[in-house]
Amino acid sequence: MQQIEELINNLVKSLYDVEVATKLTRTDEKFGDFTSNVALQLASKLPNPPADGPRAIAQQIVDNLAHESIAKAEVAGPGFINLTLSDQALAMLTRQPLALQRQDSTVVIETNNPNPFKAMHIGHAFNAIIADTIANLLEASGAHTYRVSYHGDVGLHVGKSMYSLLKFVDGDVGRLADVAEDERNVFMARMYAEGARAYKENEAAKAEIESLAKQSFTRGDAVYAQVYETVFDWSFEQIDSMVARLGNKPTSQRFLESDAELRGVKIVKDNVPKVFQESDGALMFKGSDYGSFDNVFVGKNGNGLYAARDLGLMQLKNEQYHPHRSYIVTAEEQRAYFVGVIAAAELCIPAMHGQTLNITTGTVKLASGKMSSRDGDVLDIAWLFHQVAEAIKARGGEPDDQLVAGVLRYEFLKVRIGGDVVFDINEAVSLQGNSGPYLQYAHARARSILLKGHVDAGQDWQQQQLEKDERTLVRKIGEYAEVADLAIGELMPHHVANYLYELAQTFNRFYEGNRVIGDARQSQRLGLVAAYANTLKCGMELLGMHAPDVM
């Protein structure tokens, strides 16, 4: 396609002595394979355009356009140039590599950030899946990609959990051994919820929780330390297990707020009054001057708050990886907060200007009446996995973690990042609609067809003439590299998800009307089925989904 675009550019230069940058775009099949509006662009650039305007220019280009890949070129509408490729050229597009696999850069992305001492819930799953898939796209671009995680191991949320945990053990840390492993996530959620409620409703409890929060930095009391360390270990066992079940790739480093605390506080204090100002004993940043809001980074007690820790984390990631870009994926509600933190970081450390980018997501909304949490407040991931698995069983399926993860990943990724996801469990597990299982089954079905024939016999299918339905399928397969490049360029995986659904639909229509095994064209069609299955698998892997051979 680049050859044809360059050919048109050179032709325009020869005919009109004008430099243009032709861009071929896909068009409806009834008009051809690609179209260009180069003639319409030229009409406004020529000093003496022809009387018939863009149509005449387009016709002159078409009359002089010759390339072995072009079967037909014609003028349409006010001056569009429609091109139909030869069957062989169209087939070659199914083997087109990703154009963006050339980046020589280093990127860091936080792919999971749940805090210990709390349960992992559906919101954590949503952000983890999106961040991991963005990391896949960055890797596909050729960037050296490092997945990291960041977790709050100190502060008020720890104090709220420890308030309940210490009451639970009542001096006997051995009581924690009574909590079954598969109940730990729910247990931690309950402990945090009880502490949070006490903090809100009881002044005496609030004072005690604030004291326990301070102890999270020192852990000098023996019982406190033992409970903290036990539940801390539980937390990361759960986090690592759940993130793996979601299909995320492992992280290369885990950062903790306690690691970032001292760094952040030092940066803030070193930049007073240039960047930060004292306000009633605290150190604050006037984020309102930078499109954010005024925010306290260091409290009057000298302890760093969230913003100071995020500042310290940015410096830690910069020292560890020296990235060209560092991505943070958060909910939309944190956008303004990170605008301020990033502005402060760039003022303190100019070398980090433009390095950190915040990608914000929408929220997950549960379809009314479809799901309910046994705990009321939190939809923890283990419970969600169970519900999805039960829904698959109810439809006669045999669920495993890869299938369930495919359900969740596809539901979260088919919506443009930033949009809200309405999660309907019945639609999500359906084999008939726009769902993860639909794609997984489509891949398994294609592989079963290939098992019935001899794929090697179809290796030369790209050199054969195509029938109408075959050509339609080849056109769709050939779009993959363009769609993947678009998703990579925008860091928007929904482009790939939507394309895969359309691809599977196109194949199903082809297969309904065209026999493969036992047909006179079996050899060519097996090659076509293999190309389809391989493309489907590539796209699913880009989304972090397992493509099963049997289902």
Foldseek 3Di string as FASTA:
>chain_A
DVVQQVQLQVVCCVPQVDGDRWDWDQDPPVQAGTKTQVLVVVQVVGPDADPLGQQVVLVVSLVPDDDQQFPDWDADDSHMIHTHGALLNLLVLLVDAFPLQPDEFAEEEELFEEAFLAFAFPFRLLSNLLRLLLQLLCVSSNYRYAYEYEYEQAALLQLLLLLQLCVQCVPPLCVVVVQDLVCLNVVSNVSSVNSVVCCVPPPVSVVSSRVLRVCSLPVPDPSSVSNSVVRRVSRVVNVVVLSVLLLGDDGPYYHYLSQQWVQLLVLQVVCPPVAWYDDPQFTWGCLVVQQAHIGTQADSVRTGDPLSSVLSVVVVCCVVTVGQAYEYEEAPVCVRVVSSSLVSSCSSPVVCPPHYDYFHAYEEAEDPPQDADPVRPGRGPVNVLVSLQVLLVVVVHHDDSLQSSLLSLLQSQLDWGHDYGHDHSNQSNDCPDLYSVVLLVLLLVLLVVLVVDPQVLQPPLSVDHDDPLLSQLSSLSSCLSVQSNVCSVVVRLSSLSVSLVVNSVSVVVSCVVDPQPPDPCNNNVNNSSVSSSVSSCVSCVSSSHDRDNHD
